[in-house]
């Protein structure tokens, strides 16, 4: 697909799922969930981004992204959330939330077969990548406004889907992992003109942490 080509539904899904993969990796690196030496530098969206080299993590993320791609094709994804929790306390410290909206006219609830979709967007890939670049920059800059994580942390991925989505048996219902009295920072958004992604991070204030 050239930068001036029209984007169809599958092309939009590919852009959104690749963004999710990159954003998750950036969060895991910036928040120190995995050791920095387990990441490699790559060029994407006109930026240097960090991608994990941990094979176990890569396999896990690939499985998640492939399933999210399938749900996106059928219009079933409502949001993806990266939950950062204390390894010892089990307490939710951060929630990185990416809300997915299907743009007006981009999909019909009566037509959930992506192979029949004739939806296209004339927005350039370059313009979309510029919008994604701004979000990745904000994730990189998050260390300047988020409280320090004062304990080893783990992460989990939550995917909110429509009620009629087909869910594999290996997936389980999860607690939403909300943070009581959280602070929120709204991040930038991007749109392919088929899917729109709004992002924010909610976090526990440092003075409320059990130090």
C-alpha atoms as a PDB file:
ATOM      1  CA  UNK A   1       0.000   0.000   0.000  1.00  0.00           C
ATOM      2  CA  UNK A   2       1.487   3.345  -0.990  1.00  0.00           C
ATOM      3  CA  UNK A   3       1.186   6.394   1.191  1.00  0.00           C
ATOM      4  CA  UNK A   4      -1.382   7.894  -1.160  1.00  0.00           C
ATOM      5  CA  UNK A   5      -3.470   4.739  -1.557  1.00  0.00           C
ATOM      6  CA  UNK A   6      -6.922   4.441  -0.071  1.00  0.00           C
ATOM      7  CA  UNK A   7      -7.087   2.486   3.180  1.00  0.00           C
ATOM      8  CA  UNK A   8      -9.701  -0.249   3.400  1.00  0.00           C
ATOM      9  CA  UNK A   9     -11.059  -1.922   6.527  1.00  0.00           C
ATOM     10  CA  UNK A  10      -8.272  -4.510   6.695  1.00  0.00           C
ATOM     11  CA  UNK A  11      -5.662  -1.805   6.172  1.00  0.00           C
ATOM     12  CA  UNK A  12      -7.137   0.227   9.028  1.00  0.00           C
ATOM     13  CA  UNK A  13      -7.152  -2.862  11.269  1.00  0.00           C
ATOM     14  CA  UNK A  14      -3.473  -3.472  10.455  1.00  0.00           C
ATOM     15  CA  UNK A  15      -2.580   0.122  11.391  1.00  0.00           C
ATOM     16  CA  UNK A  16      -4.526  -0.003  14.677  1.00  0.00           C
ATOM     17  CA  UNK A  17      -3.172  -3.396  15.744  1.00  0.00           C
ATOM     18  CA  UNK A  18       0.413  -2.365  14.922  1.00  0.00           C
ATOM     19  CA  UNK A  19      -0.106   0.779  17.001  1.00  0.00           C
ATOM     20  CA  UNK A  20      -1.321  -1.335  19.923  1.00  0.00           C
ATOM     21  CA  UNK A  21       1.785  -3.540  19.679  1.00  0.00           C
ATOM     22  CA  UNK A  22       4.103  -0.520  19.589  1.00  0.00           C
ATOM     23  CA  UNK A  23       2.290   1.348  22.369  1.00  0.00           C
ATOM     24  CA  UNK A  24       2.319  -1.684  24.683  1.00  0.00           C
ATOM     25  CA  UNK A  25       6.044  -2.162  24.109  1.00  0.00           C
ATOM     26  CA  UNK A  26       6.686   1.527  24.767  1.00  0.00           C
ATOM     27  CA  UNK A  27       4.732   1.411  28.034  1.00  0.00           C
ATOM     28  CA  UNK A  28       6.568  -1.711  29.225  1.00  0.00           C
ATOM     29  CA  UNK A  29       9.913  -0.083  28.450  1.00  0.00           C
ATOM     30  CA  UNK A  30       9.210   3.400  29.814  1.00  0.00           C
ATOM     31  CA  UNK A  31       7.638   2.099  33.027  1.00  0.00           C
ATOM     32  CA  UNK A  32      10.440  -0.399  33.633  1.00  0.00           C
ATOM     33  CA  UNK A  33       8.214  -3.483  33.663  1.00  0.00           C
ATOM     34  CA  UNK A  34      10.950  -5.357  31.780  1.00  0.00           C
ATOM     35  CA  UNK A  35      14.698  -4.737  31.905  1.00  0.00           C
ATOM     36  CA  UNK A  36      15.831  -2.166  29.294  1.00  0.00           C
ATOM     37  CA  UNK A  37      18.440  -4.538  27.867  1.00  0.00           C
ATOM     38  CA  UNK A  38      15.626  -6.835  26.699  1.00  0.00           C
ATOM     39  CA  UNK A  39      14.479  -4.222  24.149  1.00  0.00           C
ATOM     40  CA  UNK A  40      15.850  -3.351  20.729  1.00  0.00           C
ATOM     41  CA  UNK A  41      15.606  -0.072  18.866  1.00  0.00           C
ATOM     42  CA  UNK A  42      13.594   0.177  15.671  1.00  0.00           C
ATOM     43  CA  UNK A  43      12.478   3.013  13.419  1.00  0.00           C
ATOM     44  CA  UNK A  44       8.724   3.405  13.076  1.00  0.00           C
ATOM     45  CA  UNK A  45       6.399   6.368  12.557  1.00  0.00           C
ATOM     46  CA  UNK A  46       9.496   8.523  12.044  1.00  0.00           C
ATOM     47  CA  UNK A  47      10.618   7.726  15.588  1.00  0.00           C
ATOM     48  CA  UNK A  48      13.009   5.378  17.321  1.00  0.00           C
ATOM     49  CA  UNK A  49      10.798   2.918  19.204  1.00  0.00           C
ATOM     50  CA  UNK A  50      11.679   0.080  21.571  1.00  0.00           C
ATOM     51  CA  UNK A  51      10.494  -3.484  20.927  1.00  0.00           C
ATOM     52  CA  UNK A  52      10.985  -6.402  23.290  1.00  0.00           C
ATOM     53  CA  UNK A  53      13.338  -9.236  22.408  1.00  0.00           C
ATOM     54  CA  UNK A  54      11.936 -11.448  25.177  1.00  0.00           C
ATOM     55  CA  UNK A  55      10.589 -14.469  23.284  1.00  0.00           C
ATOM     56  CA  UNK A  56       7.941 -15.317  25.866  1.00  0.00           C
ATOM     57  CA  UNK A  57       6.619 -11.762  25.874  1.00  0.00           C
ATOM     58  CA  UNK A  58       6.712 -11.563  22.066  1.00  0.00           C
ATOM     59  CA  UNK A  59       4.683 -14.762  21.777  1.00  0.00           C
ATOM     60  CA  UNK A  60       2.128 -13.457  24.279  1.00  0.00           C
ATOM     61  CA  UNK A  61       1.800 -10.072  22.537  1.00  0.00           C
ATOM     62  CA  UNK A  62       1.535 -11.687  19.104  1.00  0.00           C
ATOM     63  CA  UNK A  63      -1.334 -13.884  20.313  1.00  0.00           C
ATOM     64  CA  UNK A  64      -3.134 -10.891  21.802  1.00  0.00           C
ATOM     65  CA  UNK A  65      -2.652  -8.701  18.729  1.00  0.00           C
ATOM     66  CA  UNK A  66      -3.836 -11.414  16.318  1.00  0.00           C
ATOM     67  CA  UNK A  67      -7.015 -11.901  18.329  1.00  0.00           C
ATOM     68  CA  UNK A  68      -7.587  -8.139  18.566  1.00  0.00           C
ATOM     69  CA  UNK A  69      -7.155  -7.915  14.782  1.00  0.00           C
ATOM     70  CA  UNK A  70      -9.932 -10.455  14.290  1.00  0.00           C
ATOM     71  CA  UNK A  71     -12.244  -8.616  16.658  1.00  0.00           C
ATOM     72  CA  UNK A  72     -11.435  -5.286  14.979  1.00  0.00           C
ATOM     73  CA  UNK A  73     -12.399  -6.710  11.582  1.00  0.00           C
ATOM     74  CA  UNK A  74     -15.849  -7.502  12.913  1.00  0.00           C
ATOM     75  CA  UNK A  75     -16.221  -4.215  14.801  1.00  0.00           C
ATOM     76  CA  UNK A  76     -16.173  -5.946  18.190  1.00  0.00           C
ATOM     77  CA  UNK A  77     -13.362  -4.090  20.014  1.00  0.00           C
ATOM     78  CA  UNK A  78     -14.414  -1.284  22.355  1.00  0.00           C
ATOM     79  CA  UNK A  79     -11.147  -0.678  24.202  1.00  0.00           C
ATOM     80  CA  UNK A  80      -7.775  -2.137  25.083  1.00  0.00           C
ATOM     81  CA  UNK A  81      -6.300  -1.505  28.532  1.00  0.00           C
ATOM     82  CA  UNK A  82      -2.751  -2.021  29.787  1.00  0.00           C
ATOM     83  CA  UNK A  83      -2.887  -2.558  33.566  1.00  0.00           C
ATOM     84  CA  UNK A  84       0.283  -2.010  35.612  1.00  0.00           C
ATOM     85  CA  UNK A  85       0.146  -3.593  39.074  1.00  0.00           C
ATOM     86  CA  UNK A  86       2.535  -3.957  41.981  1.00  0.00           C
ATOM     87  CA  UNK A  87       4.069  -7.438  41.951  1.00  0.00           C
ATOM     88  CA  UNK A  88       4.009  -7.679  45.749  1.00  0.00           C
ATOM     89  CA  UNK A  89       0.968  -5.575  46.659  1.00  0.00           C
ATOM     90  CA  UNK A  90      -1.171  -6.680  43.712  1.00  0.00           C
ATOM     91  CA  UNK A  91      -2.494  -3.127  43.628  1.00  0.00           C
ATOM     92  CA  UNK A  92      -3.338  -1.443  40.337  1.00  0.00           C
ATOM     93  CA  UNK A  93      -1.015   1.528  39.914  1.00  0.00           C
ATOM     94  CA  UNK A  94      -1.679   2.566  36.305  1.00  0.00           C
ATOM     95  CA  UNK A  95      -4.304   1.933  33.614  1.00  0.00           C
ATOM     96  CA  UNK A  96      -3.396   2.857  30.060  1.00  0.00           C
ATOM     97  CA  UNK A  97      -6.674   2.917  28.162  1.00  0.00           C
ATOM     98  CA  UNK A  98      -7.141   2.989  24.389  1.00  0.00           C
ATOM     99  CA  UNK A  99     -10.773   3.459  23.349  1.00  0.00           C
ATOM    100  CA  UNK A 100     -11.808   2.267  19.889  1.00  0.00           C
ATOM    101  CA  UNK A 101     -14.588   4.006  17.981  1.00  0.00           C
ATOM    102  CA  UNK A 102     -15.839   3.069  14.528  1.00  0.00           C
ATOM    103  CA  UNK A 103     -16.173   6.298  12.588  1.00  0.00           C
ATOM    104  CA  UNK A 104     -19.616   7.325  11.322  1.00  0.00           C
ATOM    105  CA  UNK A 105     -20.419   5.553   8.098  1.00  0.00           C
ATOM    106  CA  UNK A 106     -17.348   3.315   8.316  1.00  0.00           C
ATOM    107  CA  UNK A 107     -19.182   0.155   9.315  1.00  0.00           C
ATOM    108  CA  UNK A 108     -22.673  -1.194   9.485  1.00  0.00           C
ATOM    109  CA  UNK A 109     -23.963  -3.329  12.307  1.00  0.00           C
ATOM    110  CA  UNK A 110     -25.828  -5.358   9.672  1.00  0.00           C
ATOM    111  CA  UNK A 111     -22.640  -6.130   7.759  1.00  0.00           C
ATOM    112  CA  UNK A 112     -20.129  -7.859  10.010  1.00  0.00           C
ATOM    113  CA  UNK A 113     -18.344  -9.744   7.244  1.00  0.00           C
ATOM    114  CA  UNK A 114     -15.069  -7.895   6.573  1.00  0.00           C
ATOM    115  CA  UNK A 115     -14.732  -9.606   3.197  1.00  0.00           C
ATOM    116  CA  UNK A 116     -17.882  -7.823   2.051  1.00  0.00           C
ATOM    117  CA  UNK A 117     -16.796  -4.426   3.327  1.00  0.00           C
ATOM    118  CA  UNK A 118     -16.281  -1.690   0.764  1.00  0.00           C
ATOM    119  CA  UNK A 119     -15.360   0.912   3.376  1.00  0.00           C
ATOM    120  CA  UNK A 120     -12.339   2.992   2.455  1.00  0.00           C
ATOM    121  CA  UNK A 121     -10.542   6.039   3.802  1.00  0.00           C
ATOM    122  CA  UNK A 122      -8.684   8.598   1.716  1.00  0.00           C
ATOM    123  CA  UNK A 123      -6.604   9.772   4.675  1.00  0.00           C
ATOM    124  CA  UNK A 124      -2.896   9.341   3.943  1.00  0.00           C
ATOM    125  CA  UNK A 125      -0.804   6.843   5.888  1.00  0.00           C
ATOM    126  CA  UNK A 126       1.741   9.621   6.488  1.00  0.00           C
ATOM    127  CA  UNK A 127      -0.900  11.766   8.191  1.00  0.00           C
ATOM    128  CA  UNK A 128      -2.036   8.831  10.344  1.00  0.00           C
ATOM    129  CA  UNK A 129       1.569   8.016  11.294  1.00  0.00           C
ATOM    130  CA  UNK A 130       2.119  11.637  12.334  1.00  0.00           C
ATOM    131  CA  UNK A 131      -0.839  11.379  14.715  1.00  0.00           C
ATOM    132  CA  UNK A 132       0.441   8.051  16.093  1.00  0.00           C
ATOM    133  CA  UNK A 133       3.899   9.579  16.500  1.00  0.00           C
ATOM    134  CA  UNK A 134       2.423  12.219  18.829  1.00  0.00           C
ATOM    135  CA  UNK A 135       0.911   9.513  21.074  1.00  0.00           C
ATOM    136  CA  UNK A 136       4.142   7.493  21.229  1.00  0.00           C
ATOM    137  CA  UNK A 137       6.007  10.689  22.143  1.00  0.00           C
ATOM    138  CA  UNK A 138       3.559  11.246  25.002  1.00  0.00           C
ATOM    139  CA  UNK A 139       4.115   7.698  26.280  1.00  0.00           C
ATOM    140  CA  UNK A 140       7.863   8.335  26.150  1.00  0.00           C
ATOM    141  CA  UNK A 141       7.390  11.576  28.082  1.00  0.00           C
ATOM    142  CA  UNK A 142       5.155   9.898  30.690  1.00  0.00           C
ATOM    143  CA  UNK A 143       8.110   9.517  33.074  1.00  0.00           C
ATOM    144  CA  UNK A 144       7.957  13.287  33.594  1.00  0.00           C
ATOM    145  CA  UNK A 145       4.455  13.295  35.098  1.00  0.00           C
ATOM    146  CA  UNK A 146       3.725   9.783  36.392  1.00  0.00           C
ATOM    147  CA  UNK A 147       4.758   8.845  39.955  1.00  0.00           C
ATOM    148  CA  UNK A 148       7.757   6.569  40.302  1.00  0.00           C
ATOM    149  CA  UNK A 149       6.922   2.888  40.508  1.00  0.00           C
ATOM    150  CA  UNK A 150       8.463   2.055  43.866  1.00  0.00           C
ATOM    151  CA  UNK A 151       8.060  -1.709  43.642  1.00  0.00           C
ATOM    152  CA  UNK A 152       8.556  -4.378  40.969  1.00  0.00           C
ATOM    153  CA  UNK A 153       5.528  -4.385  38.698  1.00  0.00           C
ATOM    154  CA  UNK A 154       3.668  -6.743  36.411  1.00  0.00           C
ATOM    155  CA  UNK A 155       1.208  -5.984  33.632  1.00  0.00           C
ATOM    156  CA  UNK A 156      -1.975  -7.414  32.203  1.00  0.00           C
ATOM    157  CA  UNK A 157      -3.928  -6.693  29.032  1.00  0.00           C
ATOM    158  CA  UNK A 158      -7.694  -6.282  29.087  1.00  0.00           C
ATOM    159  CA  UNK A 159      -9.762  -6.200  25.898  1.00  0.00           C
ATOM    160  CA  UNK A 160     -13.346  -4.969  26.068  1.00  0.00           C
ATOM    161  CA  UNK A 161     -15.529  -6.403  23.300  1.00  0.00           C
ATOM    162  CA  UNK A 162     -19.144  -6.278  22.213  1.00  0.00           C
ATOM    163  CA  UNK A 163     -21.465  -8.841  23.795  1.00  0.00           C
ATOM    164  CA  UNK A 164     -21.801 -10.887  20.603  1.00  0.00           C
ATOM    165  CA  UNK A 165     -18.041 -11.194  19.994  1.00  0.00           C
ATOM    166  CA  UNK A 166     -16.719 -14.737  19.611  1.00  0.00           C
ATOM    167  CA  UNK A 167     -14.307 -15.245  22.520  1.00  0.00           C
ATOM    168  CA  UNK A 168     -11.751 -18.099  22.475  1.00  0.00           C
ATOM    169  CA  UNK A 169     -12.007 -20.520  25.392  1.00  0.00           C
ATOM    170  CA  UNK A 170      -8.530 -19.586  26.639  1.00  0.00           C
ATOM    171  CA  UNK A 171      -9.691 -16.027  27.350  1.00  0.00           C
ATOM    172  CA  UNK A 172     -11.147 -15.322  30.770  1.00  0.00           C
ATOM    173  CA  UNK A 173     -13.295 -12.597  32.286  1.00  0.00           C
ATOM    174  CA  UNK A 174     -11.237 -10.213  34.368  1.00  0.00           C
ATOM    175  CA  UNK A 175     -11.657  -7.622  37.049  1.00  0.00           C
ATOM    176  CA  UNK A 176     -11.521  -4.138  35.439  1.00  0.00           C
ATOM    177  CA  UNK A 177      -8.674  -3.214  37.820  1.00  0.00           C
ATOM    178  CA  UNK A 178      -9.939   0.311  38.443  1.00  0.00           C
ATOM    179  CA  UNK A 179      -7.941   2.744  40.573  1.00  0.00           C
ATOM    180  CA  UNK A 180      -9.871   4.456  43.360  1.00  0.00           C
ATOM    181  CA  UNK A 181      -9.559   8.272  43.318  1.00  0.00           C
ATOM    182  CA  UNK A 182      -7.240   8.087  40.340  1.00  0.00           C
ATOM    183  CA  UNK A 183      -5.714  10.978  38.461  1.00  0.00           C
ATOM    184  CA  UNK A 184      -6.080  10.950  34.678  1.00  0.00           C
ATOM    185  CA  UNK A 185      -4.084  12.413  31.827  1.00  0.00           C
ATOM    186  CA  UNK A 186      -5.744  12.427  28.420  1.00  0.00           C
ATOM    187  CA  UNK A 187      -3.347  11.643  25.603  1.00  0.00           C
ATOM    188  CA  UNK A 188      -3.615  12.401  21.898  1.00  0.00           C
ATOM    189  CA  UNK A 189      -5.882  10.500  19.548  1.00  0.00           C
ATOM    190  CA  UNK A 190      -5.573   9.286  15.984  1.00  0.00           C
ATOM    191  CA  UNK A 191      -8.006   8.231  13.318  1.00  0.00           C
ATOM    192  CA  UNK A 192      -7.774   6.284  10.077  1.00  0.00           C
ATOM    193  CA  UNK A 193     -11.237   7.658   9.213  1.00  0.00           C
ATOM    194  CA  UNK A 194     -12.421   4.095   9.771  1.00  0.00           C
ATOM    195  CA  UNK A 195     -11.237   3.576  13.343  1.00  0.00           C
ATOM    196  CA  UNK A 196     -10.584   6.288  15.903  1.00  0.00           C
ATOM    197  CA  UNK A 197      -8.363   5.644  18.936  1.00  0.00           C
ATOM    198  CA  UNK A 198      -8.613   7.871  22.015  1.00  0.00           C
ATOM    199  CA  UNK A 199      -6.036   7.283  24.728  1.00  0.00           C
ATOM    200  CA  UNK A 200      -5.535   8.178  28.374  1.00  0.00           C
ATOM    201  CA  UNK A 201      -3.601   7.026  31.407  1.00  0.00           C
ATOM    202  CA  UNK A 202      -5.075   6.817  34.909  1.00  0.00           C
ATOM    203  CA  UNK A 203      -2.724   6.485  37.856  1.00  0.00           C
ATOM    204  CA  UNK A 204      -2.602   6.358  41.614  1.00  0.00           C
ATOM    205  CA  UNK A 205      -1.244   9.492  43.225  1.00  0.00           C
ATOM    206  CA  UNK A 206       2.137   9.040  44.868  1.00  0.00           C
ATOM    207  CA  UNK A 207       0.967  10.240  48.282  1.00  0.00           C
ATOM    208  CA  UNK A 208      -1.683   7.500  48.315  1.00  0.00           C
ATOM    209  CA  UNK A 209       0.822   4.721  47.813  1.00  0.00           C
ATOM    210  CA  UNK A 210       1.579   2.404  50.688  1.00  0.00           C
ATOM    211  CA  UNK A 211       5.249   3.177  51.024  1.00  0.00           C
END
